[in-house]
């Protein structure tokens, strides 16, 4: 690395500006980013600005302009050659249905997809080209993509500048963080798919039993002892069948809680966030005062996991009785009167894994606050729902800051717990929204916050 720095510092600054701009623009324009992502280039530019070889402000402006140019060229290329790509050899292998799903996703997310893609290596290389090929209007693409380029390029160059002599360390951890974000996005997609499956199959035990019955060994048993199995099912009755389905479904959710906890912990651990735990703790410790510490301690005590789970249980029972939103299946139970059950399962998973992983009780706190907002935000005007979710976000941030301030948890522990709590709640929000759409396809129900009247 030192040899490369010495070589660059001997070059004329104008040549360094041009080379860096070509690399940044080429990441998307010529798909160079699939081989060499541009983070290293931007960090190097910032580091050279720290050494005085380049000037920081012109470097940031030029790199942003290069990123915008590269994305525009990639968008135009996708617009021009997109149809040929779909009808070509590889495009036909992807299939018409998959292309339609990609078009629908881009149409639904719009430019927001470009903003998120900018922060993920490899994804940002292909996103502008796909947007152009999918027919996204440039007026929708340009503002969101510009926001992504400005924030990502500016942040990368400034981080390289602030890193100073720690360039190699920052470069390594920034690469890890990019990979962690990519894994997290994949996990979010998986969670949405699981939630949609639960919404379409609110009785998971019954659905899995029917699929198992289609297997050859089970088919043989059913053909041979079908009458006996029928009489046994009649003997059990609908109530005990619901109890068995509920117990089996909660068991599946508990296993899912363990899997999600493991995944979130791996993502945060790979991001390298734990490296700065001691730095953040020391900075807070040097500024801690007795008055603020006492106030933070009170906040942590009041917003404890046990008390919040009780509050969620009481709120869920009251709302379920008032709205009379009840049906005998797992999804309806955990979204109405039994909304506290997922929190109990999450608490069990957190208790079992806390010693090995970054998890803390704050995961249950976060999930409880989000669940309360979800319960109250359904079937009301969207402006009030937004206000409730805003209060929930403020509450999570307040409790997180209080725990960090009093030194109960490290930054990596709190980030892991907040992610787990939010994602855990998202599963049931997606399942409930999907459940309502299956029951009433014409209902206009927000994916993550509400349901139509029954």
Protein backbone atom coordinates (compact mmCIF):
# COMPACT_ATOMS: atom_id res chain seq x y z
CA UNK A 1 0.00 0.00 0.00
CA UNK A 2 2.82 2.40 0.84
CA UNK A 3 4.37 1.82 -2.60
CA UNK A 4 1.07 2.70 -4.28
CA UNK A 5 0.75 5.89 -2.22
CA UNK A 6 4.32 6.90 -3.10
CA UNK A 7 3.61 6.28 -6.79
CA UNK A 8 0.40 8.34 -6.72
CA UNK A 9 1.94 11.25 -4.84
CA UNK A 10 4.60 11.53 -7.56
CA UNK A 11 1.96 11.91 -10.29
CA UNK A 12 0.53 15.30 -11.33
CA UNK A 13 -2.68 16.04 -9.37
CA UNK A 14 -4.63 16.63 -12.60
CA UNK A 15 -3.76 13.13 -13.81
CA UNK A 16 -4.88 11.62 -10.48
CA UNK A 17 -8.20 13.47 -10.73
CA UNK A 18 -8.75 12.13 -14.26
CA UNK A 19 -7.81 8.53 -13.41
CA UNK A 20 -10.04 8.49 -10.33
CA UNK A 21 -12.96 9.99 -12.25
CA UNK A 22 -12.62 7.40 -15.02
CA UNK A 23 -12.60 4.55 -12.48
CA UNK A 24 -15.63 5.88 -10.61
CA UNK A 25 -17.62 6.51 -13.79
CA UNK A 26 -16.55 3.19 -15.30
CA UNK A 27 -17.89 1.23 -12.32
CA UNK A 28 -21.43 1.46 -13.71
CA UNK A 29 -20.90 2.73 -17.26
CA UNK A 30 -18.67 -0.20 -18.26
CA UNK A 31 -19.60 -2.63 -15.43
CA UNK A 32 -16.06 -2.40 -14.02
CA UNK A 33 -17.59 -2.53 -10.53
CA UNK A 34 -18.26 -6.26 -10.88
CA UNK A 35 -14.48 -6.74 -10.71
CA UNK A 36 -13.22 -3.64 -8.87
CA UNK A 37 -15.80 -1.76 -6.74
CA UNK A 38 -15.17 1.98 -6.47
CA UNK A 39 -14.84 2.15 -2.66
CA UNK A 40 -11.07 1.70 -2.85
CA UNK A 41 -10.75 4.51 -5.39
CA UNK A 42 -12.83 6.94 -3.35
CA UNK A 43 -11.03 6.12 -0.12
CA UNK A 44 -7.70 6.63 -1.88
CA UNK A 45 -8.84 10.02 -3.16
CA UNK A 46 -9.78 11.02 0.38
CA UNK A 47 -6.47 9.75 1.72
CA UNK A 48 -4.54 11.72 -0.91
CA UNK A 49 -6.53 14.81 0.07
CA UNK A 50 -5.43 14.19 3.67
CA UNK A 51 -1.80 14.06 2.52
CA UNK A 52 -2.24 17.33 0.61
CA UNK A 53 -1.74 15.82 -2.84
CA UNK A 54 -5.36 16.62 -3.78
CA UNK A 55 -7.83 19.20 -2.56
CA UNK A 56 -10.81 17.78 -0.67
CA UNK A 57 -13.70 19.90 -1.98
CA UNK A 58 -12.78 19.70 -5.71
CA UNK A 59 -12.14 15.96 -5.29
CA UNK A 60 -15.60 15.37 -3.79
CA UNK A 61 -17.32 17.44 -6.48
CA UNK A 62 -15.44 15.70 -9.29
CA UNK A 63 -16.10 12.21 -7.92
CA UNK A 64 -19.82 12.97 -7.56
CA UNK A 65 -19.93 14.25 -11.15
CA UNK A 66 -18.14 11.09 -12.34
CA UNK A 67 -20.59 8.86 -10.49
CA UNK A 68 -23.57 10.70 -11.96
CA UNK A 69 -22.08 10.48 -15.47
CA UNK A 70 -21.41 6.75 -15.15
CA UNK A 71 -24.92 6.04 -13.92
CA UNK A 72 -26.47 8.13 -16.69
CA UNK A 73 -24.50 6.25 -19.35
CA UNK A 74 -25.49 2.93 -17.79
CA UNK A 75 -29.16 4.01 -17.70
CA UNK A 76 -29.06 5.02 -21.37
CA UNK A 77 -27.35 1.75 -22.27
CA UNK A 78 -30.05 -0.20 -20.47
CA UNK A 79 -32.76 1.81 -22.23
CA UNK A 80 -31.19 1.17 -25.62
CA UNK A 81 -30.09 -2.45 -25.32
CA UNK A 82 -32.57 -3.67 -22.71
CA UNK A 83 -35.00 -5.30 -25.18
CA UNK A 84 -32.10 -7.06 -26.94
CA UNK A 85 -30.87 -8.32 -23.60
CA UNK A 86 -34.27 -9.79 -22.77
CA UNK A 87 -34.66 -11.48 -26.13
CA UNK A 88 -31.08 -12.72 -26.20
CA UNK A 89 -29.70 -16.05 -25.09
CA UNK A 90 -29.34 -15.19 -21.40
CA UNK A 91 -32.50 -13.12 -21.30
CA UNK A 92 -34.69 -16.00 -22.47
CA UNK A 93 -33.16 -18.24 -19.81
CA UNK A 94 -34.22 -15.78 -17.13
CA UNK A 95 -37.80 -16.11 -18.34
CA UNK A 96 -40.60 -13.70 -19.14
CA UNK A 97 -42.24 -14.03 -15.72
CA UNK A 98 -39.04 -13.07 -13.88
CA UNK A 99 -38.58 -10.03 -16.09
CA UNK A 100 -42.16 -9.02 -15.35
CA UNK A 101 -41.55 -9.37 -11.61
CA UNK A 102 -38.43 -7.20 -11.89
CA UNK A 103 -40.43 -4.57 -13.78
CA UNK A 104 -43.16 -4.66 -11.15
CA UNK A 105 -40.63 -4.27 -8.33
CA UNK A 106 -38.98 -1.27 -9.97
CA UNK A 107 -42.39 0.25 -10.69
CA UNK A 108 -43.42 -0.20 -7.06
CA UNK A 109 -40.20 1.05 -5.46
CA UNK A 110 -39.37 3.60 -8.14
CA UNK A 111 -36.27 5.69 -7.59
CA UNK A 112 -35.98 4.55 -3.97
CA UNK A 113 -34.42 1.36 -5.29
CA UNK A 114 -31.62 3.44 -6.83
CA UNK A 115 -30.93 5.18 -3.53
CA UNK A 116 -30.56 1.88 -1.67
CA UNK A 117 -28.60 0.18 -4.46
CA UNK A 118 -25.93 2.90 -4.37
CA UNK A 119 -24.74 1.69 -0.98
CA UNK A 120 -24.27 -1.96 -1.97
CA UNK A 121 -21.28 -3.13 -4.01
CA UNK A 122 -22.09 -5.02 -7.24
CA UNK A 123 -25.77 -4.08 -6.91
CA UNK A 124 -25.07 -0.43 -7.76
CA UNK A 125 -23.08 -1.62 -10.80
CA UNK A 126 -26.17 -3.19 -12.41
CA UNK A 127 -29.03 -1.14 -10.94
CA UNK A 128 -28.93 1.85 -13.39
CA UNK A 129 -28.73 -0.49 -16.38
CA UNK A 130 -31.67 -2.55 -15.12
CA UNK A 131 -33.70 0.59 -14.42
CA UNK A 132 -33.15 1.80 -17.97
CA UNK A 133 -34.01 -1.60 -19.41
CA UNK A 134 -37.17 -1.81 -17.31
CA UNK A 135 -38.45 1.46 -18.77
CA UNK A 136 -38.19 3.59 -15.63
CA UNK A 137 -38.67 7.27 -16.56
CA UNK A 138 -35.43 9.24 -16.28
CA UNK A 139 -37.18 11.97 -14.28
CA UNK A 140 -37.94 9.35 -11.63
CA UNK A 141 -34.49 7.77 -11.83
CA UNK A 142 -32.37 10.93 -11.74
CA UNK A 143 -33.30 12.57 -8.39
CA UNK A 144 -33.09 9.42 -6.28
CA UNK A 145 -29.94 8.24 -8.01
CA UNK A 146 -28.33 11.67 -7.53
CA UNK A 147 -29.14 11.54 -3.82
CA UNK A 148 -27.52 8.10 -3.58
CA UNK A 149 -24.41 9.19 -5.50
CA UNK A 150 -23.96 12.39 -3.47
CA UNK A 151 -24.29 10.67 -0.10
CA UNK A 152 -22.26 7.56 -0.96
CA UNK A 153 -19.42 9.28 -2.86
CA UNK A 154 -19.21 12.15 -0.40
CA UNK A 155 -19.20 9.82 2.62
CA UNK A 156 -16.53 7.53 1.12
CA UNK A 157 -14.15 10.36 0.23
CA UNK A 158 -14.60 12.05 3.62
CA UNK A 159 -14.02 8.74 5.44
CA UNK A 160 -10.78 8.28 3.49
CA UNK A 161 -9.77 11.82 4.45
CA UNK A 162 -10.56 11.35 8.14
CA UNK A 163 -8.89 7.95 8.25
CA UNK A 164 -5.50 9.48 7.65
CA UNK A 165 -2.83 6.91 8.35
CA UNK A 166 -5.48 4.27 9.13
CA UNK A 167 -6.45 3.98 5.47
CA UNK A 168 -5.87 0.23 5.19
CA UNK A 169 -7.92 -0.52 8.30
CA UNK A 170 -10.81 1.68 7.19
CA UNK A 171 -10.73 0.21 3.68
CA UNK A 172 -10.92 -3.34 5.04
CA UNK A 173 -13.80 -2.62 7.39
CA UNK A 174 -15.70 -0.59 4.81
CA UNK A 175 -15.50 -3.58 2.47
CA UNK A 176 -16.79 -5.83 5.24
CA UNK A 177 -19.63 -3.41 5.96
CA UNK A 178 -20.63 -3.41 2.29
CA UNK A 179 -20.81 -7.20 2.33
CA UNK A 180 -22.82 -7.10 5.55
CA UNK A 181 -25.33 -4.68 4.01
CA UNK A 182 -25.72 -6.99 1.01
CA UNK A 183 -26.38 -9.98 3.30
CA UNK A 184 -28.84 -7.90 5.31
CA UNK A 185 -30.77 -6.96 2.16
CA UNK A 186 -30.96 -10.64 1.19
CA UNK A 187 -32.19 -11.43 4.71
CA UNK A 188 -34.87 -8.73 4.47
CA UNK A 189 -36.12 -10.25 1.20
CA UNK A 190 -36.20 -13.68 2.85
CA UNK A 191 -38.16 -12.30 5.80
CA UNK A 192 -40.69 -10.69 3.46
CA UNK A 193 -41.10 -13.99 1.61
CA UNK A 194 -41.60 -15.87 4.88
CA UNK A 195 -44.16 -13.31 6.02
CA UNK A 196 -46.03 -13.61 2.73
CA UNK A 197 -46.04 -17.40 3.05
CA UNK A 198 -47.46 -17.18 6.56
CA UNK A 199 -50.12 -14.74 5.37
CA UNK A 200 -51.19 -17.08 2.60
CA UNK A 201 -50.94 -20.14 4.84
CA UNK A 202 -52.17 -18.97 8.26
CA UNK A 203 -52.45 -22.60 9.43
CA UNK A 204 -48.88 -23.79 8.80
CA UNK A 205 -49.29 -27.20 10.44
CA UNK A 206 -52.26 -28.05 8.23
CA UNK A 207 -50.51 -26.86 5.08
CA UNK A 208 -47.29 -28.77 5.80
CA UNK A 209 -49.31 -31.88 6.71
CA UNK A 210 -51.10 -31.75 3.38
CA UNK A 211 -47.82 -31.39 1.52
CA UNK A 212 -46.33 -34.27 3.50
CA UNK A 213 -49.36 -36.37 2.62
CA UNK A 214 -48.45 -35.98 -1.05
CA UNK A 215 -45.11 -37.75 -0.52
CA UNK A 216 -44.97 -41.44 -1.60
CA UNK A 217 -44.61 -43.00 1.91
CA UNK A 218 -47.47 -40.92 3.31
CA UNK A 219 -49.62 -41.61 0.28
CA UNK A 220 -49.21 -45.33 0.93
CA UNK A 221 -50.22 -44.91 4.58
CA UNK A 222 -53.25 -42.84 3.65
CA UNK A 223 -54.37 -45.36 1.04
CA UNK A 224 -53.97 -48.25 3.50
CA UNK A 225 -55.27 -46.59 6.68
CA UNK A 226 -57.25 -43.67 5.27
CA UNK A 227 -60.47 -44.57 7.07
CA UNK A 228 -58.69 -44.90 10.41
CA UNK A 229 -56.97 -41.52 9.97
CA UNK A 230 -60.29 -39.93 9.05
CA UNK A 231 -61.99 -41.30 12.17
CA UNK A 232 -59.04 -40.10 14.27
CA UNK A 233 -59.29 -36.58 12.85
CA UNK A 234 -63.02 -36.56 13.58
CA UNK A 235 -62.29 -37.69 17.13
CA UNK A 236 -59.81 -34.86 17.69
CA UNK A 237 -62.29 -32.16 16.73
CA UNK A 238 -61.69 -28.59 15.54
CA UNK A 239 -60.68 -27.18 18.94
CA UNK A 240 -57.86 -29.62 19.60
CA UNK A 241 -56.85 -29.36 15.95
CA UNK A 242 -56.47 -25.59 16.42
CA UNK A 243 -54.45 -26.14 19.61
CA UNK A 244 -52.13 -28.59 17.83
CA UNK A 245 -51.80 -26.21 14.89
CA UNK A 246 -51.03 -23.32 17.24
CA UNK A 247 -48.38 -25.25 19.19
CA UNK A 248 -46.75 -26.45 15.97
CA UNK A 249 -46.83 -22.94 14.47
CA UNK A 250 -45.29 -21.36 17.56
CA UNK A 251 -42.59 -24.03 17.49
CA UNK A 252 -41.78 -23.07 13.90
CA UNK A 253 -41.66 -19.40 14.89
CA UNK A 254 -39.29 -20.20 17.76
CA UNK A 255 -36.92 -21.97 15.38
CA UNK A 256 -37.22 -18.98 13.05
CA UNK A 257 -36.36 -16.66 15.94
CA UNK A 258 -33.15 -18.61 16.60
CA UNK A 259 -32.25 -18.54 12.90
CA UNK A 260 -32.94 -14.81 12.61
CA UNK A 261 -30.92 -14.05 15.75
CA UNK A 262 -27.96 -16.00 14.36
CA UNK A 263 -28.22 -14.23 11.00
CA UNK A 264 -28.45 -10.70 12.43
CA UNK A 265 -25.55 -11.36 14.78
CA UNK A 266 -23.42 -12.64 11.89
CA UNK A 267 -24.24 -9.54 9.81
CA UNK A 268 -23.29 -7.10 12.56
CA UNK A 269 -20.21 -9.10 13.53
CA UNK A 270 -18.98 -9.17 9.93
CA UNK A 271 -19.53 -5.42 9.54
CA UNK A 272 -16.67 -4.67 11.95
CA UNK A 273 -18.82 -2.44 14.13
CA UNK A 274 -17.47 -4.01 17.32
CA UNK A 275 -14.08 -2.44 16.58
CA UNK A 276 -15.39 1.00 17.55
CA UNK A 277 -17.27 -0.16 20.65
CA UNK A 278 -14.50 0.89 23.02
CA UNK A 279 -14.01 4.23 21.24
CA UNK A 280 -17.72 5.08 21.54
CA UNK A 281 -17.84 3.92 25.17
CA UNK A 282 -14.81 6.00 26.11
CA UNK A 283 -16.22 9.09 24.37
CA UNK A 284 -19.53 8.77 26.23
CA UNK A 285 -17.83 8.00 29.54
CA UNK A 286 -15.78 11.20 29.33
CA UNK A 287 -18.97 13.25 28.94
CA UNK A 288 -21.26 11.40 31.35
CA UNK A 289 -22.86 13.47 34.14
CA UNK A 290 -24.65 12.22 37.21
CA UNK A 291 -27.95 13.93 36.37
CA UNK A 292 -28.20 12.59 32.83
CA UNK A 293 -27.02 9.15 33.95
CA UNK A 294 -29.83 9.01 36.52
CA UNK A 295 -32.39 10.06 33.88
CA UNK A 296 -31.11 7.46 31.43
CA UNK A 297 -31.25 4.82 34.16
CA UNK A 298 -34.92 5.68 34.79
CA UNK A 299 -35.70 5.40 31.06
CA UNK A 300 -34.06 1.97 30.85
CA UNK A 301 -35.94 0.82 33.95
CA UNK A 302 -39.36 2.04 32.80
CA UNK A 303 -39.00 0.66 29.27
CA UNK A 304 -37.95 -2.81 30.36
CA UNK A 305 -38.77 -5.92 28.30
CA UNK A 306 -41.11 -7.52 30.85
CA UNK A 307 -43.20 -4.41 31.42
CA UNK A 308 -43.49 -3.73 27.69
CA UNK A 309 -44.59 -7.29 26.93
CA UNK A 310 -47.36 -6.89 29.53
CA UNK A 311 -48.41 -3.59 27.96
CA UNK A 312 -48.52 -5.21 24.50
CA UNK A 313 -50.63 -8.08 25.87
CA UNK A 314 -53.16 -5.71 27.47
CA UNK A 315 -53.31 -3.47 24.38
CA UNK A 316 -53.78 -6.47 22.08
CA UNK A 317 -56.62 -7.90 24.17
CA UNK A 318 -58.43 -4.54 24.33
CA UNK A 319 -58.07 -3.86 20.61
CA UNK A 320 -59.10 -7.42 19.67
CA UNK A 321 -62.24 -7.11 21.81
CA UNK A 322 -63.15 -3.69 20.40
CA UNK A 323 -62.48 -4.57 16.76
CA UNK A 324 -63.69 -8.18 17.01
CA UNK A 325 -60.96 -9.12 14.56
CA UNK A 326 -60.63 -12.80 15.29
CA UNK A 327 -60.36 -16.03 13.37
CA UNK A 328 -59.02 -19.38 14.48
CA UNK A 329 -55.58 -19.44 12.85
CA UNK A 330 -52.02 -18.66 13.87
CA UNK A 331 -51.56 -15.43 11.91
CA UNK A 332 -54.76 -13.83 13.18
CA UNK A 333 -53.91 -14.83 16.75
CA UNK A 334 -50.44 -13.27 16.75
CA UNK A 335 -51.78 -10.14 15.05
CA UNK A 336 -54.66 -9.55 17.49
CA UNK A 337 -55.20 -10.94 20.97
CA UNK A 338 -51.98 -12.94 21.00
CA UNK A 339 -49.64 -10.20 19.77
CA UNK A 340 -47.45 -10.75 22.84
CA UNK A 341 -46.67 -14.37 21.86
CA UNK A 342 -44.00 -13.46 19.26
CA UNK A 343 -42.35 -11.25 21.88
CA UNK A 344 -42.22 -14.16 24.34
CA UNK A 345 -40.64 -16.38 21.67
CA UNK A 346 -38.10 -13.67 20.88
CA UNK A 347 -37.30 -13.32 24.59
CA UNK A 348 -36.68 -17.08 24.80
CA UNK A 349 -34.33 -16.96 21.81
CA UNK A 350 -32.53 -13.90 23.21
CA UNK A 351 -32.10 -15.55 26.62
CA UNK A 352 -30.68 -18.71 25.08
CA UNK A 353 -28.26 -16.95 22.71
CA UNK A 354 -27.30 -13.82 24.65
CA UNK A 355 -24.09 -15.29 26.06
CA UNK A 356 -22.77 -16.37 22.66
CA UNK A 357 -23.92 -13.48 20.51
CA UNK A 358 -24.31 -9.68 20.67
CA UNK A 359 -27.98 -9.99 21.65
CA UNK A 360 -29.48 -8.10 24.57
CA UNK A 361 -32.96 -7.66 26.02
CA UNK A 362 -33.19 -4.53 23.89
CA UNK A 363 -34.34 -6.77 21.01
CA UNK A 364 -37.55 -7.50 22.94
CA UNK A 365 -37.90 -3.80 23.84
CA UNK A 366 -37.59 -2.75 20.19
CA UNK A 367 -40.01 -5.43 19.01
CA UNK A 368 -42.51 -4.46 21.73
CA UNK A 369 -42.48 -0.77 20.81
CA UNK A 370 -42.86 -1.59 17.10
CA UNK A 371 -45.66 -4.05 17.84
CA UNK A 372 -47.56 -1.41 19.84
CA UNK A 373 -47.27 1.06 16.96
CA UNK A 374 -48.44 -1.60 14.51
CA UNK A 375 -51.45 -2.57 16.61
CA UNK A 376 -52.67 1.00 17.08
CA UNK A 377 -51.81 2.22 13.55
CA UNK A 378 -54.13 -0.24 11.81
CA UNK A 379 -57.50 0.89 10.47
CA UNK A 380 -56.90 4.59 11.13
CA UNK A 381 -56.04 7.54 8.93
CA UNK A 382 -52.57 7.39 7.46
CA UNK A 383 -51.54 10.73 9.01
CA UNK A 384 -52.26 9.40 12.50
CA UNK A 385 -50.50 6.14 11.63
CA UNK A 386 -47.41 8.06 10.53
CA UNK A 387 -47.48 9.99 13.80
CA UNK A 388 -47.66 6.76 15.80
CA UNK A 389 -44.78 5.21 13.92
CA UNK A 390 -42.78 8.38 14.43
CA UNK A 391 -43.38 8.12 18.17
CA UNK A 392 -42.26 4.48 18.03
CA UNK A 393 -39.03 5.41 16.24
CA UNK A 394 -38.34 8.15 18.77
CA UNK A 395 -38.99 5.68 21.60
CA UNK A 396 -36.58 3.10 20.20
CA UNK A 397 -33.89 5.74 19.68
CA UNK A 398 -34.43 7.14 23.17
CA UNK A 399 -34.13 3.77 24.93
CA UNK A 400 -31.16 2.81 22.75
CA UNK A 401 -29.35 6.05 23.59
CA UNK A 402 -30.16 5.61 27.30
CA UNK A 403 -28.71 2.09 27.36
CA UNK A 404 -25.60 3.28 25.56
CA UNK A 405 -25.24 6.30 27.85
CA UNK A 406 -25.38 4.36 31.11
CA UNK A 407 -23.01 1.75 29.70
CA UNK A 408 -25.37 -1.21 29.93
CA UNK A 409 -24.60 -2.28 26.35
CA UNK A 410 -22.09 -1.61 23.61
CA UNK A 411 -22.94 -0.07 20.25
CA UNK A 412 -22.65 -3.40 18.40
CA UNK A 413 -24.95 -5.11 20.91
CA UNK A 414 -27.59 -2.40 20.54
CA UNK A 415 -27.43 -2.33 16.74
CA UNK A 416 -27.84 -6.12 16.66
CA UNK A 417 -30.79 -6.00 19.03
CA UNK A 418 -32.56 -3.16 17.22
CA UNK A 419 -32.17 -4.93 13.87
CA UNK A 420 -33.50 -8.17 15.30
CA UNK A 421 -36.49 -6.46 16.94
CA UNK A 422 -37.44 -4.54 13.80
CA UNK A 423 -37.08 -7.53 11.47
CA UNK A 424 -38.97 -9.79 13.86
CA UNK A 425 -41.93 -7.40 13.88
CA UNK A 426 -41.76 -7.01 10.09
CA UNK A 427 -42.43 -10.72 9.62
CA UNK A 428 -45.85 -10.50 11.25
CA UNK A 429 -46.69 -7.16 9.68
CA UNK A 430 -46.11 -8.64 6.22
CA UNK A 431 -48.01 -11.80 7.16
CA UNK A 432 -51.02 -9.80 8.38
CA UNK A 433 -51.08 -7.51 5.35
CA UNK A 434 -50.84 -10.54 3.05
CA UNK A 435 -53.57 -12.28 5.04
CA UNK A 436 -55.94 -9.34 4.54
CA UNK A 437 -55.21 -9.16 0.83
CA UNK A 438 -55.90 -12.88 0.42
CA UNK A 439 -59.24 -12.49 2.22
CA UNK A 440 -60.15 -9.26 0.42
CA UNK A 441 -58.11 -8.77 -2.78
CA UNK A 442 -59.74 -5.40 -3.50
CA UNK A 443 -58.69 -3.90 -0.16
CA UNK A 444 -56.09 -1.18 -0.36
CA UNK A 445 -53.91 -2.15 2.60
CA UNK A 446 -50.45 -0.74 3.28
CA UNK A 447 -47.86 -3.50 3.31
CA UNK A 448 -46.39 -2.62 6.68
CA UNK A 449 -48.97 -0.84 8.74
CA UNK A 450 -52.62 -1.68 8.41
CA UNK A 451 -55.58 -3.76 7.44
CA UNK A 452 -59.02 -3.18 6.08
CA UNK A 453 -62.12 -3.42 8.23
CA UNK A 454 -63.63 -6.83 8.50
